[in-house]
Amino acid sequence: METRVAVIGVIIEDPEAAGRINEILHEYGEYIIGRMGIPYRRRGIHIISLAVDAPQDVISALSGKLGRLEGVAAKTAYSNYSFSGEADA
C-alpha cells in the first residue's frame, strides 16, 4: 500500500462540532501520527494540527469529512514523497 505523509490544519469556529470531530478522528486513528490542539481563547476558536501517514484517498476523505462540518475549515499539505509498505515501528 502506497502512503503519503501529510499535515491537516483544522480551524474550529463552532465548539458544537467538537464531538463529531473527535468521532471522525477516532475513525481514522490508525493513520494519525500525532495531533496538537491549541485553544485560541482570545478569538474563540480552536486549532488542530494533524500529522498523518495514509493513502492519498484516505487523507482526502479525512480532510473532506472535517471540512464539511459546519463551523470547521480544513486544509491539507502533502509531502512530495510516497512510501510503500509498512512504516518501521
PDB file of N, CA and C in Angstrom:
ATOM      1  N   MET A   1       0.850  -1.174   0.000  1.00  0.00           N
ATOM      2  CA  MET A   1       0.000   0.000   0.000  1.00  0.00           C
ATOM      3  C   MET A   1       0.896   1.238   0.000  1.00  0.00           C
ATOM      4  N   GLU A   2       0.678   2.112  -0.948  1.00  0.00           N
ATOM      5  CA  GLU A   2       1.460   3.340  -1.048  1.00  0.00           C
ATOM      6  C   GLU A   2       0.808   4.423  -0.190  1.00  0.00           C
ATOM      7  N   THR A   3       1.624   5.069   0.638  1.00  0.00           N
ATOM      8  CA  THR A   3       1.102   6.119   1.524  1.00  0.00           C
ATOM      9  C   THR A   3       1.879   7.414   1.332  1.00  0.00           C
ATOM     10  N   ARG A   4       1.299   8.475   1.833  1.00  0.00           N
ATOM     11  CA  ARG A   4       1.954   9.786   1.840  1.00  0.00           C
ATOM     12  C   ARG A   4       1.853  10.345   3.244  1.00  0.00           C
ATOM     13  N   VAL A   5       2.800  11.173   3.586  1.00  0.00           N
ATOM     14  CA  VAL A   5       2.759  11.887   4.858  1.00  0.00           C
ATOM     15  C   VAL A   5       2.178  13.260   4.567  1.00  0.00           C
ATOM     16  N   ALA A   6       1.273  13.706   5.435  1.00  0.00           N
ATOM     17  CA  ALA A   6       0.625  14.996   5.234  1.00  0.00           C
ATOM     18  C   ALA A   6       0.333  15.644   6.583  1.00  0.00           C
ATOM     19  N   VAL A   7       0.089  16.931   6.524  1.00  0.00           N
ATOM     20  CA  VAL A   7      -0.362  17.683   7.688  1.00  0.00           C
ATOM     21  C   VAL A   7      -1.721  18.269   7.339  1.00  0.00           C
ATOM     22  N   ILE A   8      -2.687  18.051   8.223  1.00  0.00           N
ATOM     23  CA  ILE A   8      -4.019  18.624   8.031  1.00  0.00           C
ATOM     24  C   ILE A   8      -4.205  19.698   9.111  1.00  0.00           C
ATOM     25  N   GLY A   9      -4.432  20.923   8.667  1.00  0.00           N
ATOM     26  CA  GLY A   9      -4.715  22.027   9.580  1.00  0.00           C
ATOM     27  C   GLY A   9      -6.221  22.202   9.684  1.00  0.00           C
ATOM     28  N   VAL A  10      -6.727  22.236  10.918  1.00  0.00           N
ATOM     29  CA  VAL A  10      -8.162  22.330  11.155  1.00  0.00           C
ATOM     30  C   VAL A  10      -8.430  23.535  12.048  1.00  0.00           C
ATOM     31  N   ILE A  11      -9.353  24.397  11.629  1.00  0.00           N
ATOM     32  CA  ILE A  11      -9.765  25.535  12.453  1.00  0.00           C
ATOM     33  C   ILE A  11     -11.235  25.344  12.792  1.00  0.00           C
ATOM     34  N   ILE A  12     -11.518  25.369  14.081  1.00  0.00           N
ATOM     35  CA  ILE A  12     -12.870  25.129  14.568  1.00  0.00           C
ATOM     36  C   ILE A  12     -13.440  26.429  15.119  1.00  0.00           C
ATOM     37  N   GLU A  13     -14.466  26.924  14.454  1.00  0.00           N
ATOM     38  CA  GLU A  13     -15.124  28.156  14.892  1.00  0.00           C
ATOM     39  C   GLU A  13     -16.393  27.867  15.677  1.00  0.00           C
ATOM     40  N   ASP A  14     -16.924  26.643  15.556  1.00  0.00           N
ATOM     41  CA  ASP A  14     -18.140  26.248  16.259  1.00  0.00           C
ATOM     42  C   ASP A  14     -17.817  25.136  17.245  1.00  0.00           C
ATOM     43  N   PRO A  15     -17.782  25.440  18.543  1.00  0.00           N
ATOM     44  CA  PRO A  15     -17.436  24.422  19.547  1.00  0.00           C
ATOM     45  C   PRO A  15     -18.388  23.227  19.554  1.00  0.00           C
ATOM     46  N   GLU A  16     -19.592  23.398  19.026  1.00  0.00           N
ATOM     47  CA  GLU A  16     -20.557  22.299  18.966  1.00  0.00           C
ATOM     48  C   GLU A  16     -20.075  21.179  18.043  1.00  0.00           C
ATOM     49  N   ALA A  17     -19.121  21.472  17.172  1.00  0.00           N
ATOM     50  CA  ALA A  17     -18.595  20.472  16.228  1.00  0.00           C
ATOM     51  C   ALA A  17     -17.582  19.537  16.873  1.00  0.00           C
ATOM     52  N   ALA A  18     -17.147  19.827  18.084  1.00  0.00           N
ATOM     53  CA  ALA A  18     -16.069  19.061  18.725  1.00  0.00           C
ATOM     54  C   ALA A  18     -16.372  17.571  18.826  1.00  0.00           C
ATOM     55  N   GLY A  19     -17.590  17.220  19.195  1.00  0.00           N
ATOM     56  CA  GLY A  19     -17.944  15.804  19.326  1.00  0.00           C
ATOM     57  C   GLY A  19     -17.818  15.060  18.011  1.00  0.00           C
ATOM     58  N   ARG A  20     -18.331  15.634  16.949  1.00  0.00           N
ATOM     59  CA  ARG A  20     -18.265  14.996  15.630  1.00  0.00           C
ATOM     60  C   ARG A  20     -16.823  14.922  15.131  1.00  0.00           C
ATOM     61  N   ILE A  21     -16.031  15.969  15.409  1.00  0.00           N
ATOM     62  CA  ILE A  21     -14.614  15.959  15.021  1.00  0.00           C
ATOM     63  C   ILE A  21     -13.898  14.791  15.688  1.00  0.00           C
ATOM     64  N   ASN A  22     -14.124  14.616  16.981  1.00  0.00           N
ATOM     65  CA  ASN A  22     -13.472  13.517  17.700  1.00  0.00           C
ATOM     66  C   ASN A  22     -13.903  12.156  17.167  1.00  0.00           C
ATOM     67  N   GLU A  23     -15.169  12.015  16.761  1.00  0.00           N
ATOM     68  CA  GLU A  23     -15.628  10.758  16.165  1.00  0.00           C
ATOM     69  C   GLU A  23     -14.876  10.471  14.864  1.00  0.00           C
ATOM     70  N   ILE A  24     -14.729  11.499  14.039  1.00  0.00           N
ATOM     71  CA  ILE A  24     -14.023  11.334  12.768  1.00  0.00           C
ATOM     72  C   ILE A  24     -12.554  10.989  13.006  1.00  0.00           C
ATOM     73  N   LEU A  25     -11.916  11.687  13.941  1.00  0.00           N
ATOM     74  CA  LEU A  25     -10.503  11.411  14.233  1.00  0.00           C
ATOM     75  C   LEU A  25     -10.330   9.992  14.778  1.00  0.00           C
ATOM     76  N   HIS A  26     -11.272   9.540  15.576  1.00  0.00           N
ATOM     77  CA  HIS A  26     -11.211   8.169  16.091  1.00  0.00           C
ATOM     78  C   HIS A  26     -11.340   7.162  14.941  1.00  0.00           C
ATOM     79  N   GLU A  27     -12.217   7.457  13.998  1.00  0.00           N
ATOM     80  CA  GLU A  27     -12.429   6.598  12.834  1.00  0.00           C
ATOM     81  C   GLU A  27     -11.141   6.434  12.014  1.00  0.00           C
ATOM     82  N   TYR A  28     -10.332   7.492  11.940  1.00  0.00           N
ATOM     83  CA  TYR A  28      -9.097   7.473  11.151  1.00  0.00           C
ATOM     84  C   TYR A  28      -7.848   7.345  12.037  1.00  0.00           C
ATOM     85  N   GLY A  29      -8.025   6.943  13.267  1.00  0.00           N
ATOM     86  CA  GLY A  29      -6.937   6.888  14.237  1.00  0.00           C
ATOM     87  C   GLY A  29      -5.716   6.091  13.820  1.00  0.00           C
ATOM     88  N   GLU A  30      -5.909   5.034  13.057  1.00  0.00           N
ATOM     89  CA  GLU A  30      -4.767   4.205  12.655  1.00  0.00           C
ATOM     90  C   GLU A  30      -3.803   4.943  11.738  1.00  0.00           C
ATOM     91  N   TYR A  31      -4.246   6.025  11.117  1.00  0.00           N
ATOM     92  CA  TYR A  31      -3.415   6.792  10.191  1.00  0.00           C
ATOM     93  C   TYR A  31      -2.789   8.034  10.826  1.00  0.00           C
ATOM     94  N   ILE A  32      -3.248   8.391  12.013  1.00  0.00           N
ATOM     95  CA  ILE A  32      -2.779   9.627  12.649  1.00  0.00           C
ATOM     96  C   ILE A  32      -1.467   9.373  13.377  1.00  0.00           C
ATOM     97  N   ILE A  33      -0.432  10.114  12.979  1.00  0.00           N
ATOM     98  CA  ILE A  33       0.882  10.011  13.617  1.00  0.00           C
ATOM     99  C   ILE A  33       0.878  10.805  14.919  1.00  0.00           C
ATOM    100  N   GLY A  34       0.316  12.008  14.864  1.00  0.00           N
ATOM    101  CA  GLY A  34       0.273  12.877  16.029  1.00  0.00           C
ATOM    102  C   GLY A  34      -0.751  13.983  15.841  1.00  0.00           C
ATOM    103  N   ARG A  35      -1.113  14.579  16.942  1.00  0.00           N
ATOM    104  CA  ARG A  35      -2.155  15.607  16.944  1.00  0.00           C
ATOM    105  C   ARG A  35      -1.791  16.672  17.972  1.00  0.00           C
ATOM    106  N   MET A  36      -1.963  17.925  17.582  1.00  0.00           N
ATOM    107  CA  MET A  36      -1.736  19.023  18.518  1.00  0.00           C
ATOM    108  C   MET A  36      -2.946  19.947  18.460  1.00  0.00           C
ATOM    109  N   GLY A  37      -3.539  20.206  19.601  1.00  0.00           N
ATOM    110  CA  GLY A  37      -4.688  21.100  19.672  1.00  0.00           C
ATOM    111  C   GLY A  37      -4.339  22.359  20.447  1.00  0.00           C
ATOM    112  N   ILE A  38      -4.772  23.487  19.919  1.00  0.00           N
ATOM    113  CA  ILE A  38      -4.490  24.768  20.560  1.00  0.00           C
ATOM    114  C   ILE A  38      -5.797  25.544  20.701  1.00  0.00           C
ATOM    115  N   PRO A  39      -6.230  25.797  21.939  1.00  0.00           N
ATOM    116  CA  PRO A  39      -7.396  26.667  22.108  1.00  0.00           C
ATOM    117  C   PRO A  39      -6.944  28.128  22.012  1.00  0.00           C
ATOM    118  N   TYR A  40      -7.522  28.869  21.105  1.00  0.00           N
ATOM    119  CA  TYR A  40      -7.178  30.290  20.951  1.00  0.00           C
ATOM    120  C   TYR A  40      -8.327  31.081  21.562  1.00  0.00           C
ATOM    121  N   ARG A  41      -8.290  31.189  22.878  1.00  0.00           N
ATOM    122  CA  ARG A  41      -9.394  31.774  23.644  1.00  0.00           C
ATOM    123  C   ARG A  41      -9.670  33.226  23.262  1.00  0.00           C
ATOM    124  N   ARG A  42      -8.633  33.953  22.947  1.00  0.00           N
ATOM    125  CA  ARG A  42      -8.793  35.367  22.605  1.00  0.00           C
ATOM    126  C   ARG A  42      -9.729  35.554  21.398  1.00  0.00           C
ATOM    127  N   ARG A  43      -9.696  34.619  20.469  1.00  0.00           N
ATOM    128  CA  ARG A  43     -10.535  34.702  19.271  1.00  0.00           C
ATOM    129  C   ARG A  43     -11.729  33.741  19.319  1.00  0.00           C
ATOM    130  N   GLY A  44     -11.767  32.903  20.348  1.00  0.00           N
ATOM    131  CA  GLY A  44     -12.890  31.977  20.495  1.00  0.00           C
ATOM    132  C   GLY A  44     -12.888  30.839  19.486  1.00  0.00           C
ATOM    133  N   ILE A  45     -11.707  30.441  19.031  1.00  0.00           N
ATOM    134  CA  ILE A  45     -11.585  29.332  18.092  1.00  0.00           C
ATOM    135  C   ILE A  45     -10.596  28.303  18.628  1.00  0.00           C
ATOM    136  N   HIS A  46     -10.563  27.167  17.980  1.00  0.00           N
ATOM    137  CA  HIS A  46      -9.607  26.111  18.321  1.00  0.00           C
ATOM    138  C   HIS A  46      -8.895  25.694  17.045  1.00  0.00           C
ATOM    139  N   ILE A  47      -7.610  25.363  17.179  1.00  0.00           N
ATOM    140  CA  ILE A  47      -6.793  24.974  16.045  1.00  0.00           C
ATOM    141  C   ILE A  47      -6.242  23.576  16.318  1.00  0.00           C
ATOM    142  N   ILE A  48      -6.400  22.689  15.352  1.00  0.00           N
ATOM    143  CA  ILE A  48      -5.840  21.340  15.472  1.00  0.00           C
ATOM    144  C   ILE A  48      -4.911  21.109  14.289  1.00  0.00           C
ATOM    145  N   SER A  49      -3.742  20.571  14.587  1.00  0.00           N
ATOM    146  CA  SER A  49      -2.788  20.181  13.554  1.00  0.00           C
ATOM    147  C   SER A  49      -2.643  18.668  13.632  1.00  0.00           C
ATOM    148  N   LEU A  50      -2.907  17.997  12.508  1.00  0.00           N
ATOM    149  CA  LEU A  50      -2.814  16.542  12.453  1.00  0.00           C
ATOM    150  C   LEU A  50      -1.689  16.126  11.517  1.00  0.00           C
ATOM    151  N   ALA A  51      -0.823  15.240  11.970  1.00  0.00           N
ATOM    152  CA  ALA A  51       0.181  14.625  11.102  1.00  0.00           C
ATOM    153  C   ALA A  51      -0.323  13.227  10.785  1.00  0.00           C
ATOM    154  N   VAL A  52      -0.401  12.886   9.495  1.00  0.00           N
ATOM    155  CA  VAL A  52      -0.943  11.594   9.092  1.00  0.00           C
ATOM    156  C   VAL A  52      -0.017  10.896   8.092  1.00  0.00           C
ATOM    157  N   ASP A  53      -0.096   9.577   8.066  1.00  0.00           N
ATOM    158  CA  ASP A  53       0.606   8.743   7.095  1.00  0.00           C
ATOM    159  C   ASP A  53      -0.425   7.759   6.575  1.00  0.00           C
ATOM    160  N   ALA A  54      -0.903   7.989   5.346  1.00  0.00           N
ATOM    161  CA  ALA A  54      -2.017   7.202   4.820  1.00  0.00           C
ATOM    162  C   ALA A  54      -2.033   7.270   3.300  1.00  0.00           C
ATOM    163  N   PRO A  55      -2.804   6.388   2.657  1.00  0.00           N
ATOM    164  CA  PRO A  55      -3.010   6.531   1.219  1.00  0.00           C
ATOM    165  C   PRO A  55      -3.650   7.894   0.926  1.00  0.00           C
ATOM    166  N   GLN A  56      -3.351   8.452  -0.224  1.00  0.00           N
ATOM    167  CA  GLN A  56      -3.834   9.794  -0.545  1.00  0.00           C
ATOM    168  C   GLN A  56      -5.353   9.889  -0.497  1.00  0.00           C
ATOM    169  N   ASP A  57      -6.067   8.854  -0.924  1.00  0.00           N
ATOM    170  CA  ASP A  57      -7.529   8.917  -0.885  1.00  0.00           C
ATOM    171  C   ASP A  57      -8.062   8.935   0.542  1.00  0.00           C
ATOM    172  N   VAL A  58      -7.371   8.284   1.465  1.00  0.00           N
ATOM    173  CA  VAL A  58      -7.782   8.300   2.870  1.00  0.00           C
ATOM    174  C   VAL A  58      -7.553   9.688   3.460  1.00  0.00           C
ATOM    175  N   ILE A  59      -6.416  10.298   3.139  1.00  0.00           N
ATOM    176  CA  ILE A  59      -6.128  11.651   3.624  1.00  0.00           C
ATOM    177  C   ILE A  59      -7.179  12.627   3.095  1.00  0.00           C
ATOM    178  N   SER A  60      -7.499  12.515   1.819  1.00  0.00           N
ATOM    179  CA  SER A  60      -8.512  13.392   1.219  1.00  0.00           C
ATOM    180  C   SER A  60      -9.880  13.196   1.876  1.00  0.00           C
ATOM    181  N   ALA A  61     -10.231  11.945   2.140  1.00  0.00           N
ATOM    182  CA  ALA A  61     -11.516  11.654   2.780  1.00  0.00           C
ATOM    183  C   ALA A  61     -11.573  12.247   4.185  1.00  0.00           C
ATOM    184  N   LEU A  62     -10.497  12.083   4.950  1.00  0.00           N
ATOM    185  CA  LEU A  62     -10.444  12.641   6.305  1.00  0.00           C
ATOM    186  C   LEU A  62     -10.575  14.160   6.273  1.00  0.00           C
ATOM    187  N   SER A  63      -9.773  14.807   5.449  1.00  0.00           N
ATOM    188  CA  SER A  63      -9.820  16.261   5.341  1.00  0.00           C
ATOM    189  C   SER A  63     -11.194  16.735   4.865  1.00  0.00           C
ATOM    190  N   GLY A  64     -11.763  16.028   3.911  1.00  0.00           N
ATOM    191  CA  GLY A  64     -13.073  16.389   3.388  1.00  0.00           C
ATOM    192  C   GLY A  64     -14.171  16.271   4.424  1.00  0.00           C
ATOM    193  N   LYS A  65     -14.159  15.176   5.187  1.00  0.00           N
ATOM    194  CA  LYS A  65     -15.174  14.994   6.237  1.00  0.00           C
ATOM    195  C   LYS A  65     -15.084  16.100   7.274  1.00  0.00           C
ATOM    196  N   LEU A  66     -13.851  16.448   7.653  1.00  0.00           N
ATOM    197  CA  LEU A  66     -13.680  17.526   8.643  1.00  0.00           C
ATOM    198  C   LEU A  66     -14.143  18.862   8.067  1.00  0.00           C
ATOM    199  N   GLY A  67     -13.734  19.155   6.850  1.00  0.00           N
ATOM    200  CA  GLY A  67     -14.044  20.442   6.236  1.00  0.00           C
ATOM    201  C   GLY A  67     -15.514  20.650   5.918  1.00  0.00           C
ATOM    202  N   ARG A  68     -16.272  19.552   5.786  1.00  0.00           N
ATOM    203  CA  ARG A  68     -17.697  19.673   5.505  1.00  0.00           C
ATOM    204  C   ARG A  68     -18.533  19.949   6.758  1.00  0.00           C
ATOM    205  N   LEU A  69     -17.934  19.826   7.926  1.00  0.00           N
ATOM    206  CA  LEU A  69     -18.677  20.118   9.149  1.00  0.00           C
ATOM    207  C   LEU A  69     -18.932  21.624   9.251  1.00  0.00           C
ATOM    208  N   GLU A  70     -20.111  21.970   9.736  1.00  0.00           N
ATOM    209  CA  GLU A  70     -20.468  23.373   9.930  1.00  0.00           C
ATOM    210  C   GLU A  70     -19.525  24.015  10.950  1.00  0.00           C
ATOM    211  N   GLY A  71     -18.954  25.162  10.613  1.00  0.00           N
ATOM    212  CA  GLY A  71     -18.068  25.886  11.530  1.00  0.00           C
ATOM    213  C   GLY A  71     -16.658  25.330  11.599  1.00  0.00           C
ATOM    214  N   VAL A  72     -16.283  24.487  10.614  1.00  0.00           N
ATOM    215  CA  VAL A  72     -14.954  23.872  10.605  1.00  0.00           C
ATOM    216  C   VAL A  72     -14.316  24.087   9.226  1.00  0.00           C
ATOM    217  N   ALA A  73     -13.032  24.460   9.220  1.00  0.00           N
ATOM    218  CA  ALA A  73     -12.265  24.570   7.980  1.00  0.00           C
ATOM    219  C   ALA A  73     -11.070  23.629   8.079  1.00  0.00           C
ATOM    220  N   ALA A  74     -10.750  22.938   6.983  1.00  0.00           N
ATOM    221  CA  ALA A  74      -9.614  22.009   6.974  1.00  0.00           C
ATOM    222  C   ALA A  74      -8.859  22.142   5.657  1.00  0.00           C
ATOM    223  N   LYS A  75      -7.538  22.183   5.754  1.00  0.00           N
ATOM    224  CA  LYS A  75      -6.661  22.237   4.579  1.00  0.00           C
ATOM    225  C   LYS A  75      -5.526  21.251   4.787  1.00  0.00           C
ATOM    226  N   THR A  76      -5.037  20.690   3.681  1.00  0.00           N
ATOM    227  CA  THR A  76      -4.018  19.657   3.752  1.00  0.00           C
ATOM    228  C   THR A  76      -2.773  20.050   2.965  1.00  0.00           C
ATOM    229  N   ALA A  77      -1.613  19.763   3.538  1.00  0.00           N
ATOM    230  CA  ALA A  77      -0.324  19.919   2.854  1.00  0.00           C
ATOM    231  C   ALA A  77       0.322  18.537   2.798  1.00  0.00           C
ATOM    232  N   TYR A  78       0.660  18.096   1.578  1.00  0.00           N
ATOM    233  CA  TYR A  78       1.213  16.759   1.360  1.00  0.00           C
ATOM    234  C   TYR A  78       2.733  16.799   1.213  1.00  0.00           C
ATOM    235  N   SER A  79       3.375  15.727   1.673  1.00  0.00           N
ATOM    236  CA  SER A  79       4.781  15.504   1.392  1.00  0.00           C
ATOM    237  C   SER A  79       4.931  15.231  -0.103  1.00  0.00           C
ATOM    238  N   ASN A  80       6.087  15.540  -0.656  1.00  0.00           N
ATOM    239  CA  ASN A  80       6.345  15.252  -2.065  1.00  0.00           C
ATOM    240  C   ASN A  80       6.662  13.780  -2.305  1.00  0.00           C
ATOM    241  N   TYR A  81       6.901  13.014  -1.257  1.00  0.00           N
ATOM    242  CA  TYR A  81       7.299  11.617  -1.391  1.00  0.00           C
ATOM    243  C   TYR A  81       6.157  10.685  -1.039  1.00  0.00           C
ATOM    244  N   SER A  82       6.134   9.550  -1.698  1.00  0.00           N
ATOM    245  CA  SER A  82       5.208   8.494  -1.314  1.00  0.00           C
ATOM    246  C   SER A  82       6.030   7.314  -0.814  1.00  0.00           C
ATOM    247  N   PHE A  83       5.418   6.506   0.032  1.00  0.00           N
ATOM    248  CA  PHE A  83       6.113   5.391   0.659  1.00  0.00           C
ATOM    249  C   PHE A  83       5.321   4.125   0.401  1.00  0.00           C
ATOM    250  N   SER A  84       6.029   3.014   0.213  1.00  0.00           N
ATOM    251  CA  SER A  84       5.342   1.745   0.035  1.00  0.00           C
ATOM    252  C   SER A  84       5.642   0.855   1.223  1.00  0.00           C
ATOM    253  N   GLY A  85       4.694  -0.003   1.570  1.00  0.00           N
ATOM    254  CA  GLY A  85       4.880  -0.910   2.695  1.00  0.00           C
ATOM    255  C   GLY A  85       4.575  -0.237   4.015  1.00  0.00           C
ATOM    256  N   GLU A  86       4.771  -1.008   5.075  1.00  0.00           N
ATOM    257  CA  GLU A  86       4.515  -0.524   6.428  1.00  0.00           C
ATOM    258  C   GLU A  86       5.668   0.318   6.936  1.00  0.00           C
ATOM    259  N   ALA A  87       5.346   1.323   7.745  1.00  0.00           N
ATOM    260  CA  ALA A  87       6.379   2.157   8.369  1.00  0.00           C
ATOM    261  C   ALA A  87       7.053   1.359   9.484  1.00  0.00           C
ATOM    262  N   ASP A  88       8.327   1.634   9.714  1.00  0.00           N
ATOM    263  CA  ASP A  88       9.027   0.982  10.831  1.00  0.00           C
ATOM    264  C   ASP A  88       8.477   1.497  12.134  1.00  0.00           C
ATOM    265  N   ALA A  89       8.444   0.625  13.121  1.00  0.00           N
ATOM    266  CA  ALA A  89       7.913   0.991  14.439  1.00  0.00           C
ATOM    267  C   ALA A  89       8.899   1.824  15.212  1.00  0.00           C
TER     268      ALA A  89
END
